[in-house]
Amino acid sequence: MLRRLHPIQPDSFAFTPENLAWARGQISKYPEGRQASAIIPLLWRAQEQHGWLTRPAIEYVASMLGMAYIRALEVATFYFMFQLAPVGSVAHIQICGTTSCMICGAEALIETCQELIAPRAHMLSVDGKFSWEEVECLGACTNAPMAQIGKDYYEDLTPTILRELIAKFSSGDVPRPGPQNGRFASEPKSGLTSLEDFATGGGQFNGSVSLALAIGDTVKRIDGSEVPLLTPWLGKASPKAAPKTAAQKPDAE
């Protein structure tokens, strides 16, 4: 599939000071002359900061790494995880449309997105808060149908549950990721048949859920101040802001 940059681009891009320090830390992993090896994490952080990958951001990263712009563009257009068009200011919803999810109701989820967000993929909602697309298998087939919203998986979905999730995101809340039908992971829907002592309270052991709820990492724009910068390969760590608490919810733009 041919992927092109969006026709409307911002004038410039620059990392926040914290993200710039993070980017330099990533580059320091590699020996002199091999800085281009950091291309994917730097492009990803640029997208995390801005929401989508702009031409100025690609040029900025290429310059940092001493790469020709075309080489960075090749990477950005090859990997579908890089969004080349504006996405919702609150959340971009990726509906899995491959076999298991399609059999279990993905088409109904797509119809919900078409109704609540926009009639076509990669279009912004009227308020600019949301966008959506259909994607290939995300590997959570046991919990079909599912969607990736921001960084996290929301599984065992129904159109009603998806509507509720969109409403919560719109109000500024970050819903708990993972199964939405009461399951902890991918255990039988009828309930556990062994290890029943762990039937409840399993959410506390889910690192992705904990991070999403603690600092809103699921959908928020990343400015680099969320967690300390760690560079163990240099034998030191840079003191940065401590992780934000659950009370410090990200603002819904």
C-alpha atoms as a PDB file:
ATOM      1  CA  MET A   1       0.000   0.000   0.000  1.00  0.00           C
ATOM      2  CA  LEU A   2       1.376   3.391  -1.007  1.00  0.00           C
ATOM      3  CA  ARG A   3       1.575   5.799   1.922  1.00  0.00           C
ATOM      4  CA  ARG A   4       2.074   9.520   1.452  1.00  0.00           C
ATOM      5  CA  LEU A   5       2.541  12.429   3.818  1.00  0.00           C
ATOM      6  CA  HIS A   6      -0.507  14.540   4.604  1.00  0.00           C
ATOM      7  CA  PRO A   7      -0.863  17.516   2.219  1.00  0.00           C
ATOM      8  CA  ILE A   8      -1.224  20.006   5.075  1.00  0.00           C
ATOM      9  CA  GLN A   9       1.865  20.231   7.272  1.00  0.00           C
ATOM     10  CA  PRO A  10       2.918  22.415  10.224  1.00  0.00           C
ATOM     11  CA  ASP A  11       5.791  24.843   9.729  1.00  0.00           C
ATOM     12  CA  SER A  12       8.202  23.267  12.182  1.00  0.00           C
ATOM     13  CA  PHE A  13       8.864  20.640  14.826  1.00  0.00           C
ATOM     14  CA  ALA A  14      11.181  20.452  17.818  1.00  0.00           C
ATOM     15  CA  PHE A  15      11.436  18.049  20.716  1.00  0.00           C
ATOM     16  CA  THR A  16      10.611  19.388  24.160  1.00  0.00           C
ATOM     17  CA  PRO A  17      13.765  19.761  26.297  1.00  0.00           C
ATOM     18  CA  GLU A  18      12.932  16.525  28.111  1.00  0.00           C
ATOM     19  CA  ASN A  19      12.269  14.617  24.905  1.00  0.00           C
ATOM     20  CA  LEU A  20      15.463  16.024  23.414  1.00  0.00           C
ATOM     21  CA  ALA A  21      17.424  14.683  26.390  1.00  0.00           C
ATOM     22  CA  TRP A  22      15.673  11.343  25.956  1.00  0.00           C
ATOM     23  CA  ALA A  23      16.487  11.270  22.237  1.00  0.00           C
ATOM     24  CA  ARG A  24      20.146  12.013  22.881  1.00  0.00           C
ATOM     25  CA  GLY A  25      20.146   9.223  25.439  1.00  0.00           C
ATOM     26  CA  GLN A  26      18.838   6.786  22.832  1.00  0.00           C
ATOM     27  CA  ILE A  27      21.463   7.889  20.322  1.00  0.00           C
ATOM     28  CA  SER A  28      24.173   7.287  22.919  1.00  0.00           C
ATOM     29  CA  LYS A  29      23.389   3.555  22.799  1.00  0.00           C
ATOM     30  CA  TYR A  30      25.105   3.291  19.447  1.00  0.00           C
ATOM     31  CA  PRO A  31      28.761   3.728  18.421  1.00  0.00           C
ATOM     32  CA  GLU A  32      29.924   6.728  16.410  1.00  0.00           C
ATOM     33  CA  GLY A  33      28.727   6.449  12.842  1.00  0.00           C
ATOM     34  CA  ARG A  34      25.790   4.204  13.757  1.00  0.00           C
ATOM     35  CA  GLN A  35      23.432   6.863  15.089  1.00  0.00           C
ATOM     36  CA  ALA A  36      20.897   6.023  12.385  1.00  0.00           C
ATOM     37  CA  SER A  37      20.091   2.880  14.377  1.00  0.00           C
ATOM     38  CA  ALA A  38      17.988   5.122  16.649  1.00  0.00           C
ATOM     39  CA  ILE A  39      15.649   6.135  13.828  1.00  0.00           C
ATOM     40  CA  ILE A  40      12.589   4.139  14.923  1.00  0.00           C
ATOM     41  CA  PRO A  41      12.523   5.155  18.622  1.00  0.00           C
ATOM     42  CA  LEU A  42      13.117   8.809  17.718  1.00  0.00           C
ATOM     43  CA  LEU A  43      10.368   8.860  15.110  1.00  0.00           C
ATOM     44  CA  TRP A  44       8.097   7.136  17.624  1.00  0.00           C
ATOM     45  CA  ARG A  45       8.820   9.734  20.309  1.00  0.00           C
ATOM     46  CA  ALA A  46       8.161  12.507  17.784  1.00  0.00           C
ATOM     47  CA  GLN A  47       4.772  10.924  17.111  1.00  0.00           C
ATOM     48  CA  GLU A  48       4.107  10.504  20.830  1.00  0.00           C
ATOM     49  CA  GLN A  49       4.808  14.202  21.356  1.00  0.00           C
ATOM     50  CA  HIS A  50       2.815  15.561  18.426  1.00  0.00           C
ATOM     51  CA  GLY A  51       0.229  12.830  17.915  1.00  0.00           C
ATOM     52  CA  TRP A  52       1.185  12.092  14.311  1.00  0.00           C
ATOM     53  CA  LEU A  53       4.354  12.134  12.242  1.00  0.00           C
ATOM     54  CA  THR A  54       4.787  15.338  10.257  1.00  0.00           C
ATOM     55  CA  ARG A  55       7.317  16.130   7.551  1.00  0.00           C
ATOM     56  CA  PRO A  56       9.089  18.675   9.809  1.00  0.00           C
ATOM     57  CA  ALA A  57       9.351  15.971  12.497  1.00  0.00           C
ATOM     58  CA  ILE A  58      10.866  13.486  10.045  1.00  0.00           C
ATOM     59  CA  GLU A  59      13.320  16.140   8.837  1.00  0.00           C
ATOM     60  CA  TYR A  60      14.192  17.043  12.427  1.00  0.00           C
ATOM     61  CA  VAL A  61      14.925  13.430  13.379  1.00  0.00           C
ATOM     62  CA  ALA A  62      16.903  12.841  10.181  1.00  0.00           C
ATOM     63  CA  SER A  63      19.040  15.895  10.963  1.00  0.00           C
ATOM     64  CA  MET A  64      19.677  14.683  14.522  1.00  0.00           C
ATOM     65  CA  LEU A  65      20.883  11.343  13.202  1.00  0.00           C
ATOM     66  CA  GLY A  66      22.909  12.691  10.299  1.00  0.00           C
ATOM     67  CA  MET A  67      20.671  10.909   7.798  1.00  0.00           C
ATOM     68  CA  ALA A  68      19.366  11.976   4.427  1.00  0.00           C
ATOM     69  CA  TYR A  69      15.712  12.966   4.714  1.00  0.00           C
ATOM     70  CA  ILE A  70      14.683  10.333   2.160  1.00  0.00           C
ATOM     71  CA  ARG A  71      16.115   7.561   4.355  1.00  0.00           C
ATOM     72  CA  ALA A  72      14.054   8.683   7.338  1.00  0.00           C
ATOM     73  CA  LEU A  73      11.001   9.064   5.102  1.00  0.00           C
ATOM     74  CA  GLU A  74      11.446   5.484   3.889  1.00  0.00           C
ATOM     75  CA  VAL A  75      11.220   4.246   7.472  1.00  0.00           C
ATOM     76  CA  ALA A  76       8.241   6.452   8.352  1.00  0.00           C
ATOM     77  CA  THR A  77       6.223   5.343   5.322  1.00  0.00           C
ATOM     78  CA  PHE A  78       7.135   1.650   5.636  1.00  0.00           C
ATOM     79  CA  TYR A  79       5.810   1.031   9.156  1.00  0.00           C
ATOM     80  CA  PHE A  80       2.070   1.401   9.638  1.00  0.00           C
ATOM     81  CA  MET A  81       2.528   2.243  13.325  1.00  0.00           C
ATOM     82  CA  PHE A  82       3.552   5.729  12.157  1.00  0.00           C
ATOM     83  CA  GLN A  83       0.523   7.932  11.580  1.00  0.00           C
ATOM     84  CA  LEU A  84       1.119  10.218   8.596  1.00  0.00           C
ATOM     85  CA  ALA A  85      -2.097  12.215   8.967  1.00  0.00           C
ATOM     86  CA  PRO A  86      -3.607  14.140  11.886  1.00  0.00           C
ATOM     87  CA  VAL A  87      -5.226  11.989  14.566  1.00  0.00           C
ATOM     88  CA  GLY A  88      -7.749  12.811  17.254  1.00  0.00           C
ATOM     89  CA  SER A  89      -6.468  15.091  19.983  1.00  0.00           C
ATOM     90  CA  VAL A  90      -7.809  12.674  22.612  1.00  0.00           C
ATOM     91  CA  ALA A  91      -7.543   9.235  21.006  1.00  0.00           C
ATOM     92  CA  HIS A  92      -6.924   7.346  17.790  1.00  0.00           C
ATOM     93  CA  ILE A  93      -8.870   4.068  17.723  1.00  0.00           C
ATOM     94  CA  GLN A  94      -7.538   1.098  15.758  1.00  0.00           C
ATOM     95  CA  ILE A  95     -10.158  -1.604  15.226  1.00  0.00           C
ATOM     96  CA  CYS A  96      -8.768  -5.062  14.487  1.00  0.00           C
ATOM     97  CA  GLY A  97     -10.556  -6.379  11.414  1.00  0.00           C
ATOM     98  CA  THR A  98      -8.822  -9.706  10.879  1.00  0.00           C
ATOM     99  CA  THR A  99     -10.464 -13.131  11.037  1.00  0.00           C
ATOM    100  CA  SER A 100     -11.144 -13.732  14.747  1.00  0.00           C
ATOM    101  CA  CYS A 101     -12.286 -10.191  15.427  1.00  0.00           C
ATOM    102  CA  MET A 102     -14.354 -10.013  12.255  1.00  0.00           C
ATOM    103  CA  ILE A 103     -16.151 -13.249  13.146  1.00  0.00           C
ATOM    104  CA  CYS A 104     -16.822 -11.931  16.666  1.00  0.00           C
ATOM    105  CA  GLY A 105     -18.230  -8.564  15.655  1.00  0.00           C
ATOM    106  CA  ALA A 106     -15.545  -6.164  14.426  1.00  0.00           C
ATOM    107  CA  GLU A 107     -17.834  -4.874  11.681  1.00  0.00           C
ATOM    108  CA  ALA A 108     -20.256  -3.622  14.320  1.00  0.00           C
ATOM    109  CA  LEU A 109     -17.386  -1.805  16.056  1.00  0.00           C
ATOM    110  CA  ILE A 110     -16.394  -0.188  12.761  1.00  0.00           C
ATOM    111  CA  GLU A 111     -19.995   0.932  12.267  1.00  0.00           C
ATOM    112  CA  THR A 112     -19.913   2.454  15.751  1.00  0.00           C
ATOM    113  CA  CYS A 113     -16.779   4.422  14.849  1.00  0.00           C
ATOM    114  CA  GLN A 114     -18.391   5.550  11.593  1.00  0.00           C
ATOM    115  CA  GLU A 115     -21.414   6.768  13.528  1.00  0.00           C
ATOM    116  CA  LEU A 116     -19.676   8.436  16.476  1.00  0.00           C
ATOM    117  CA  ILE A 117     -16.394   9.629  14.948  1.00  0.00           C
ATOM    118  CA  ALA A 118     -16.311   9.923  11.161  1.00  0.00           C
ATOM    119  CA  PRO A 119     -17.699   8.047   8.147  1.00  0.00           C
ATOM    120  CA  ARG A 120     -14.240   7.152   6.832  1.00  0.00           C
ATOM    121  CA  ALA A 121     -10.996   5.992   8.399  1.00  0.00           C
ATOM    122  CA  HIS A 122      -8.339   8.625   9.183  1.00  0.00           C
ATOM    123  CA  MET A 123     -10.921  11.404   9.302  1.00  0.00           C
ATOM    124  CA  LEU A 124     -11.209  13.529  12.428  1.00  0.00           C
ATOM    125  CA  SER A 125     -14.421  13.734  14.403  1.00  0.00           C
ATOM    126  CA  VAL A 126     -16.282  17.039  14.226  1.00  0.00           C
ATOM    127  CA  ASP A 127     -14.775  18.155  17.550  1.00  0.00           C
ATOM    128  CA  GLY A 128     -11.316  16.936  16.549  1.00  0.00           C
ATOM    129  CA  LYS A 129     -11.049  14.624  19.544  1.00  0.00           C
ATOM    130  CA  PHE A 130     -11.131  11.246  17.814  1.00  0.00           C
ATOM    131  CA  SER A 131     -10.067   9.385  14.704  1.00  0.00           C
ATOM    132  CA  TRP A 132     -10.186   5.718  13.774  1.00  0.00           C
ATOM    133  CA  GLU A 133      -8.951   3.103  11.322  1.00  0.00           C
ATOM    134  CA  GLU A 134      -9.237  -0.620  10.660  1.00  0.00           C
ATOM    135  CA  VAL A 135      -5.978  -2.544  11.122  1.00  0.00           C
ATOM    136  CA  GLU A 136      -4.652  -6.047  10.626  1.00  0.00           C
ATOM    137  CA  CYS A 137      -4.352  -8.607  13.444  1.00  0.00           C
ATOM    138  CA  LEU A 138      -3.166  -7.153  16.752  1.00  0.00           C
ATOM    139  CA  GLY A 139      -2.574 -10.566  18.314  1.00  0.00           C
ATOM    140  CA  ALA A 140      -5.338 -10.606  20.922  1.00  0.00           C
ATOM    141  CA  CYS A 141      -7.502 -13.152  19.112  1.00  0.00           C
ATOM    142  CA  THR A 142      -8.675 -14.878  22.300  1.00  0.00           C
ATOM    143  CA  ASN A 143     -10.257 -11.596  23.377  1.00  0.00           C
ATOM    144  CA  ALA A 144     -11.930 -10.761  20.084  1.00  0.00           C
ATOM    145  CA  PRO A 145     -13.231  -8.354  19.072  1.00  0.00           C
ATOM    146  CA  MET A 146     -10.758  -5.770  20.272  1.00  0.00           C
ATOM    147  CA  ALA A 147      -9.213  -2.411  19.506  1.00  0.00           C
ATOM    148  CA  GLN A 148      -6.012  -0.594  20.278  1.00  0.00           C
ATOM    149  CA  ILE A 149      -6.776   2.850  21.666  1.00  0.00           C
ATOM    150  CA  GLY A 150      -3.614   4.891  21.975  1.00  0.00           C
ATOM    151  CA  LYS A 151      -1.056   2.443  23.328  1.00  0.00           C
ATOM    152  CA  ASP A 152      -3.297  -0.067  25.062  1.00  0.00           C
ATOM    153  CA  TYR A 153      -5.615  -2.893  24.108  1.00  0.00           C
ATOM    154  CA  TYR A 154      -9.320  -2.787  24.935  1.00  0.00           C
ATOM    155  CA  GLU A 155     -10.673  -6.291  24.490  1.00  0.00           C
ATOM    156  CA  ASP A 156     -13.914  -8.284  24.528  1.00  0.00           C
ATOM    157  CA  LEU A 157     -15.716  -5.300  23.064  1.00  0.00           C
ATOM    158  CA  THR A 158     -19.295  -4.747  22.003  1.00  0.00           C
ATOM    159  CA  PRO A 159     -20.701  -1.657  20.272  1.00  0.00           C
ATOM    160  CA  THR A 160     -22.236  -0.581  23.589  1.00  0.00           C
ATOM    161  CA  ILE A 161     -18.946  -0.937  25.454  1.00  0.00           C
ATOM    162  CA  LEU A 162     -17.080   0.948  22.709  1.00  0.00           C
ATOM    163  CA  ARG A 163     -19.598   3.784  22.962  1.00  0.00           C
ATOM    164  CA  GLU A 164     -18.983   3.936  26.710  1.00  0.00           C
ATOM    165  CA  LEU A 165     -15.204   3.971  26.227  1.00  0.00           C
ATOM    166  CA  ILE A 166     -15.402   6.825  23.732  1.00  0.00           C
ATOM    167  CA  ALA A 167     -17.620   8.789  26.131  1.00  0.00           C
ATOM    168  CA  LYS A 168     -15.150   8.283  28.986  1.00  0.00           C
ATOM    169  CA  PHE A 169     -12.174   9.332  26.886  1.00  0.00           C
ATOM    170  CA  SER A 170     -14.097  12.363  25.683  1.00  0.00           C
ATOM    171  CA  SER A 171     -14.753  13.450  29.278  1.00  0.00           C
ATOM    172  CA  GLY A 172     -11.057  13.214  30.172  1.00  0.00           C
ATOM    173  CA  ASP A 173     -11.082   9.827  31.897  1.00  0.00           C
ATOM    174  CA  VAL A 174      -8.744   6.968  31.008  1.00  0.00           C
ATOM    175  CA  PRO A 175     -10.751   3.715  31.103  1.00  0.00           C
ATOM    176  CA  ARG A 176      -9.009   0.619  32.408  1.00  0.00           C
ATOM    177  CA  PRO A 177      -7.389  -1.214  29.479  1.00  0.00           C
ATOM    178  CA  GLY A 178      -7.680  -4.948  28.937  1.00  0.00           C
ATOM    179  CA  PRO A 179     -10.789  -7.146  28.771  1.00  0.00           C
ATOM    180  CA  GLN A 180     -14.027  -5.225  29.207  1.00  0.00           C
ATOM    181  CA  ASN A 181     -16.241  -8.195  30.106  1.00  0.00           C
ATOM    182  CA  GLY A 182     -14.833  -8.988  33.550  1.00  0.00           C
ATOM    183  CA  ARG A 183     -11.967 -11.216  32.491  1.00  0.00           C
ATOM    184  CA  PHE A 184      -8.448 -10.502  33.759  1.00  0.00           C
ATOM    185  CA  ALA A 185      -6.650 -11.833  30.692  1.00  0.00           C
ATOM    186  CA  SER A 186      -7.619 -14.630  28.300  1.00  0.00           C
ATOM    187  CA  GLU A 187      -9.004 -17.185  30.736  1.00  0.00           C
ATOM    188  CA  PRO A 188     -12.226 -19.010  29.768  1.00  0.00           C
ATOM    189  CA  LYS A 189     -15.254 -16.744  29.630  1.00  0.00           C
ATOM    190  CA  SER A 190     -17.064 -19.227  31.869  1.00  0.00           C
ATOM    191  CA  GLY A 191     -14.512 -18.592  34.630  1.00  0.00           C
ATOM    192  CA  LEU A 192     -11.368 -20.186  36.004  1.00  0.00           C
ATOM    193  CA  THR A 193     -11.308 -23.947  36.484  1.00  0.00           C
ATOM    194  CA  SER A 194      -7.978 -23.910  38.335  1.00  0.00           C
ATOM    195  CA  LEU A 195      -5.852 -21.362  40.232  1.00  0.00           C
ATOM    196  CA  GLU A 196      -9.124 -19.955  41.512  1.00  0.00           C
ATOM    197  CA  ASP A 197      -7.365 -17.990  44.257  1.00  0.00           C
ATOM    198  CA  PHE A 198      -6.445 -15.500  41.519  1.00  0.00           C
ATOM    199  CA  ALA A 199      -9.964 -15.104  40.193  1.00  0.00           C
ATOM    200  CA  THR A 200     -10.180 -11.517  41.493  1.00  0.00           C
ATOM    201  CA  GLY A 201      -7.755  -8.674  41.978  1.00  0.00           C
ATOM    202  CA  GLY A 202      -5.515  -9.632  39.085  1.00  0.00           C
ATOM    203  CA  GLY A 203      -5.508  -6.126  37.651  1.00  0.00           C
ATOM    204  CA  GLN A 204      -2.918  -4.967  40.148  1.00  0.00           C
ATOM    205  CA  PHE A 205      -0.378  -7.247  38.481  1.00  0.00           C
ATOM    206  CA  ASN A 206      -0.937  -5.835  34.989  1.00  0.00           C
ATOM    207  CA  GLY A 207       1.902  -3.378  34.384  1.00  0.00           C
ATOM    208  CA  SER A 208       0.332  -1.813  31.299  1.00  0.00           C
ATOM    209  CA  VAL A 209      -2.924  -1.177  33.134  1.00  0.00           C
ATOM    210  CA  SER A 210      -1.100   0.279  36.135  1.00  0.00           C
ATOM    211  CA  LEU A 211       0.883   2.700  33.961  1.00  0.00           C
ATOM    212  CA  ALA A 212      -2.151   3.706  31.955  1.00  0.00           C
ATOM    213  CA  LEU A 213      -4.118   4.531  35.086  1.00  0.00           C
ATOM    214  CA  ALA A 214      -1.229   6.130  36.996  1.00  0.00           C
ATOM    215  CA  ILE A 215      -0.060   8.656  34.401  1.00  0.00           C
ATOM    216  CA  GLY A 216      -2.641   8.385  31.636  1.00  0.00           C
ATOM    217  CA  ASP A 217       0.020   6.932  29.359  1.00  0.00           C
ATOM    218  CA  THR A 218      -2.592   5.262  27.175  1.00  0.00           C
ATOM    219  CA  VAL A 219      -3.482   8.308  25.087  1.00  0.00           C
ATOM    220  CA  LYS A 220      -1.639  11.359  26.405  1.00  0.00           C
ATOM    221  CA  ARG A 221       0.954  13.280  24.454  1.00  0.00           C
ATOM    222  CA  ILE A 222       4.422  12.505  25.841  1.00  0.00           C
ATOM    223  CA  ASP A 223       6.628  15.494  26.696  1.00  0.00           C
ATOM    224  CA  GLY A 224       9.402  13.471  28.342  1.00  0.00           C
ATOM    225  CA  SER A 225       8.780  14.568  31.925  1.00  0.00           C
ATOM    226  CA  GLU A 226       6.560  11.616  32.826  1.00  0.00           C
ATOM    227  CA  VAL A 227       9.264   9.246  34.062  1.00  0.00           C
ATOM    228  CA  PRO A 228      12.981   9.574  34.867  1.00  0.00           C
ATOM    229  CA  LEU A 229      15.425   9.336  31.986  1.00  0.00           C
ATOM    230  CA  LEU A 230      17.380   6.112  32.466  1.00  0.00           C
ATOM    231  CA  THR A 231      20.620   5.488  30.596  1.00  0.00           C
ATOM    232  CA  PRO A 232      22.106   2.425  32.307  1.00  0.00           C
ATOM    233  CA  TRP A 233      24.461   1.841  29.373  1.00  0.00           C
ATOM    234  CA  LEU A 234      26.165   5.088  30.424  1.00  0.00           C
ATOM    235  CA  GLY A 235      26.180   4.079  34.084  1.00  0.00           C
ATOM    236  CA  LYS A 236      23.983   6.958  35.218  1.00  0.00           C
ATOM    237  CA  ALA A 237      20.433   8.263  35.276  1.00  0.00           C
ATOM    238  CA  SER A 238      19.213  11.791  34.768  1.00  0.00           C
ATOM    239  CA  PRO A 239      16.850  13.038  37.513  1.00  0.00           C
ATOM    240  CA  LYS A 240      13.571  13.925  35.902  1.00  0.00           C
ATOM    241  CA  ALA A 241      10.028  14.428  37.091  1.00  0.00           C
ATOM    242  CA  ALA A 242       8.499  11.592  39.086  1.00  0.00           C
ATOM    243  CA  PRO A 243       5.579   9.695  37.546  1.00  0.00           C
ATOM    244  CA  LYS A 244       2.298  11.553  37.875  1.00  0.00           C
ATOM    245  CA  THR A 245      -0.361  10.128  40.136  1.00  0.00           C
ATOM    246  CA  ALA A 246      -3.816   8.972  39.224  1.00  0.00           C
ATOM    247  CA  ALA A 247      -5.161  12.299  40.499  1.00  0.00           C
ATOM    248  CA  GLN A 248      -3.193  14.139  37.796  1.00  0.00           C
ATOM    249  CA  LYS A 249      -5.339  13.058  34.885  1.00  0.00           C
ATOM    250  CA  PRO A 250      -4.368  14.230  31.385  1.00  0.00           C
ATOM    251  CA  ASP A 251      -6.489  17.024  30.021  1.00  0.00           C
ATOM    252  CA  ALA A 252      -8.801  16.096  27.190  1.00  0.00           C
ATOM    253  CA  GLU A 253      -7.969  18.511  24.442  1.00  0.00           C
END
